[in-house]
Protein backbone atom coordinates (compact mmCIF):
# COMPACT_ATOMS: atom_id res chain seq x y z
CA MET A 1 -33.07 16.40 -22.99
CA ILE A 2 -29.79 16.01 -20.80
CA SER A 3 -30.69 15.47 -17.06
CA LYS A 4 -29.66 17.85 -14.48
CA GLN A 5 -27.88 14.98 -12.76
CA LEU A 6 -25.97 14.02 -16.00
CA VAL A 7 -24.62 17.67 -16.18
CA ALA A 8 -23.69 17.61 -12.72
CA PHE A 9 -21.85 14.47 -13.09
CA CYS A 10 -19.93 15.65 -16.21
CA LEU A 11 -19.13 18.96 -14.40
CA PHE A 12 -17.67 17.02 -11.45
CA PHE A 13 -15.79 14.65 -13.48
CA THR A 14 -14.21 17.39 -15.54
CA THR A 15 -13.39 19.47 -12.60
CA PHE A 16 -11.98 16.45 -10.60
CA PHE A 17 -9.58 15.29 -13.34
CA ALA A 18 -8.73 18.97 -14.32
CA LEU A 19 -7.44 19.63 -10.69
CA THR A 20 -6.05 16.00 -9.98
CA PRO A 21 -2.48 15.75 -11.26
CA LEU A 22 -2.03 13.15 -13.99
CA GLN A 23 -0.34 9.87 -12.60
CA ALA A 24 2.82 9.13 -14.28
CA GLN A 25 2.69 6.51 -17.22
CA THR A 26 4.95 4.36 -15.27
CA LYS A 27 4.35 2.11 -12.40
CA VAL A 28 6.17 2.19 -9.20
CA ALA A 29 7.25 -1.12 -7.71
CA GLN A 30 8.55 -2.14 -4.24
CA GLY A 31 11.26 -4.49 -4.23
CA THR A 32 11.27 -7.13 -7.04
CA ASP A 33 7.42 -6.55 -8.10
CA CYS A 34 8.03 -4.92 -11.16
CA THR A 35 6.81 -5.71 -14.79
CA GLY A 36 6.42 -3.91 -17.95
CA ASP A 37 7.17 -0.20 -17.85
CA CYS A 38 7.91 0.65 -14.33
CA HIS A 39 10.54 1.84 -11.87
CA LEU A 40 11.84 0.20 -8.72
CA VAL A 41 11.78 2.15 -5.51
CA GLY A 42 13.27 1.09 -2.20
CA LYS A 43 15.50 -1.51 -1.50
CA PHE A 44 15.84 -4.37 -3.87
CA ASP A 45 18.11 -7.32 -4.85
CA ARG A 46 20.53 -6.78 -7.83
CA ARG A 47 19.03 -10.06 -9.54
CA VAL A 48 15.96 -7.89 -10.36
CA LEU A 49 18.22 -5.88 -12.68
CA GLU A 50 19.55 -9.05 -14.18
CA SER A 51 16.52 -11.19 -14.73
CA ASN A 52 13.73 -8.41 -15.24
CA GLU A 53 13.50 -7.80 -18.96
CA THR A 54 12.63 -4.18 -18.27
CA TYR A 55 16.21 -3.57 -16.85
CA ALA A 56 18.24 -6.49 -17.99
CA SER A 57 18.37 -4.94 -21.58
CA TRP A 58 20.59 -2.00 -20.15
CA PHE A 59 22.04 -3.80 -17.28
CA LEU A 60 23.41 -6.80 -19.05
CA LYS A 61 24.73 -4.67 -22.07
CA ASN A 62 26.44 -2.04 -19.79
CA TYR A 63 27.88 -4.84 -17.44
CA ASN A 64 29.31 -7.05 -20.11
CA ASP A 65 30.74 -4.31 -22.48
CA TYR A 66 32.59 -2.57 -19.66
CA GLN A 67 36.28 -3.10 -19.62
CA ILE A 68 37.83 -2.68 -16.29
CA ASP A 69 41.28 -1.26 -16.09
CA ALA A 70 43.24 -4.30 -14.94
CA THR A 71 46.10 -2.33 -13.29
CA ILE A 72 43.92 -0.53 -11.17
CA LEU A 73 41.95 -3.78 -10.21
CA ASP A 74 45.22 -5.42 -9.18
CA THR A 75 45.65 -2.70 -6.36
CA LEU A 76 42.09 -2.61 -5.49
CA GLN A 77 41.93 -6.24 -5.01
CA ALA A 78 43.97 -5.93 -1.82
CA LEU A 79 42.20 -3.00 -0.41
CA SER A 80 38.60 -3.85 -1.18
CA LYS A 81 37.89 -6.32 1.56
CA ASN A 82 39.02 -4.35 4.73
CA ASN A 83 35.44 -4.16 6.21
CA ILE A 84 34.37 -2.12 3.45
CA THR A 85 30.58 -2.11 2.39
CA PHE A 86 28.71 -0.43 -0.31
CA LYS A 87 25.49 1.46 -0.83
CA ILE A 88 24.33 1.74 -4.15
CA ILE A 89 21.50 4.39 -4.64
CA MET A 90 20.12 4.71 -8.33
CA GLY A 91 17.00 5.33 -10.41
CA THR A 92 16.12 2.88 -12.79
CA TRP A 93 14.64 5.53 -14.88
CA CYS A 94 18.13 7.51 -14.94
CA SER A 95 20.47 7.20 -18.01
CA ASP A 96 23.45 7.78 -15.56
CA SER A 97 22.44 4.91 -13.22
CA GLN A 98 21.72 2.54 -16.35
CA ARG A 99 25.14 3.21 -17.56
CA ASP A 100 27.31 3.19 -14.18
CA VAL A 101 25.39 0.86 -11.95
CA PRO A 102 26.31 -2.18 -14.16
CA ARG A 103 29.67 -0.78 -14.50
CA PHE A 104 30.14 -0.50 -10.84
CA SER A 105 28.58 -3.95 -10.14
CA LYS A 106 31.00 -5.42 -12.54
CA ILE A 107 33.90 -3.92 -10.50
CA LEU A 108 32.72 -5.24 -7.30
CA ASP A 109 31.93 -8.82 -8.89
CA THR A 110 35.59 -8.79 -10.27
CA LEU A 111 36.86 -7.96 -6.80
CA GLN A 112 34.69 -10.74 -5.38
CA ILE A 113 32.77 -8.41 -2.92
CA SER A 114 30.24 -10.45 -0.98
CA SER A 115 26.65 -9.69 -2.14
CA GLU A 116 26.15 -9.24 1.59
CA ALA A 117 28.46 -6.18 1.57
CA ILE A 118 26.33 -4.36 -1.17
CA THR A 119 22.97 -3.02 -0.86
CA TYR A 120 20.92 -1.67 -3.73
CA TYR A 121 18.24 1.08 -3.36
CA ALA A 122 16.21 2.70 -5.99
CA LEU A 123 14.49 6.17 -5.74
CA ASP A 124 11.41 7.21 -7.85
CA THR A 125 11.79 9.86 -10.59
CA ASN A 126 11.58 12.65 -7.85
CA LYS A 127 14.51 11.16 -6.09
CA GLN A 128 12.31 9.94 -3.19
CA SER A 129 11.44 6.58 -1.35
CA ALA A 130 8.85 5.72 1.27
CA GLU A 131 11.69 4.92 3.38
CA LYS A 132 13.34 8.19 3.01
CA ILE A 133 16.49 6.74 1.62
CA GLU A 134 17.53 9.85 0.10
CA GLU A 135 17.31 11.57 3.55
CA THR A 136 19.00 8.97 5.37
CA TYR A 137 21.91 9.12 2.89
CA ASN A 138 21.72 12.59 1.92
CA VAL A 139 21.22 11.79 -1.72
CA ARG A 140 20.59 14.55 -4.20
CA PHE A 141 21.98 12.90 -7.46
CA VAL A 142 21.82 9.47 -8.74
CA PRO A 143 23.67 7.33 -9.03
CA THR A 144 25.19 7.52 -5.61
CA PHE A 145 27.94 5.06 -4.72
CA ILE A 146 28.60 5.28 -0.96
CA ILE A 147 31.79 3.49 0.25
CA LEU A 148 31.69 2.68 3.89
CA GLU A 149 34.39 1.43 6.17
CA ASN A 150 33.57 -0.29 9.53
CA GLY A 151 29.96 1.12 8.76
CA VAL A 152 31.34 4.61 8.50
CA GLU A 153 31.09 6.59 5.36
CA ARG A 154 34.37 7.03 3.71
CA ASN A 155 33.29 8.73 0.72
CA ARG A 156 31.06 8.62 -2.28
CA ILE A 157 30.99 8.71 -6.09
CA VAL A 158 28.03 11.09 -7.14
CA GLU A 159 26.35 10.77 -10.56
CA MET A 160 29.59 10.22 -12.65
CA SER A 161 33.23 9.35 -12.07
CA ILE A 162 36.07 11.90 -12.17
CA GLN A 163 38.54 9.61 -13.95
CA THR A 164 36.77 6.06 -14.10
CA LEU A 165 34.71 4.34 -11.41
CA GLU A 166 37.80 1.94 -10.67
CA ALA A 167 40.22 4.95 -10.49
CA ASP A 168 37.85 6.92 -8.29
CA LEU A 169 37.34 3.92 -5.87
CA LEU A 170 40.98 3.30 -5.70
CA ASN A 171 41.41 6.98 -4.66
CA ILE A 172 38.73 6.79 -1.96
CA LEU A 173 40.28 3.46 -0.71
CA THR A 174 43.88 4.81 -0.65
CA SER A 175 44.41 8.54 -0.21
CA ASN A 176 40.96 9.55 0.27
CA THR A 177 41.52 12.84 -1.42
CA TYR A 178 38.78 12.34 -3.76
CA LYS A 179 36.08 14.95 -4.46
CA HIS A 180 32.96 13.96 -6.25
CA VAL A 181 31.68 16.34 -8.97
CA TYR A 182 29.47 18.15 -6.60
CA ALA A 183 31.90 18.34 -3.72
CA GLU A 184 32.74 21.97 -2.49
């Protein structure tokens, strides 16, 4: 015979788990502490994307496969070091981020932009972070590449480029008539 306590426990257990939202199957990691199937959240060092097997599979492939337009690169080279910094806000779970963050990183590397001038942030699958990066930088879509000059936002590339990443960056750094895909 089943005891009343066992029935009460089963009823509580069933009710508790029926009312509690299921946790995502992926782990969330702050910074670099991420192994297996997980997503980065918060500020992190780009080396994590290159060295962690979870991310390196897509980061290195998209980085190595991207062919930068050399004619645009020549013009960018002269413009890119005038107190320009970059905020790269992404989701490691996002296919657009997986495609374009390695490409944008390659452009910045080719331009020899100092790693101190580039900050990487990751948002969770709800596009949120504990530090409220999404609010600080008004991010609704990822990836978002924010280009700052003397600490002031000059413009941003949001979710995807209009032409190519390097052509959009050139537009931002020259005429600044650039409007990202969600601009009004």
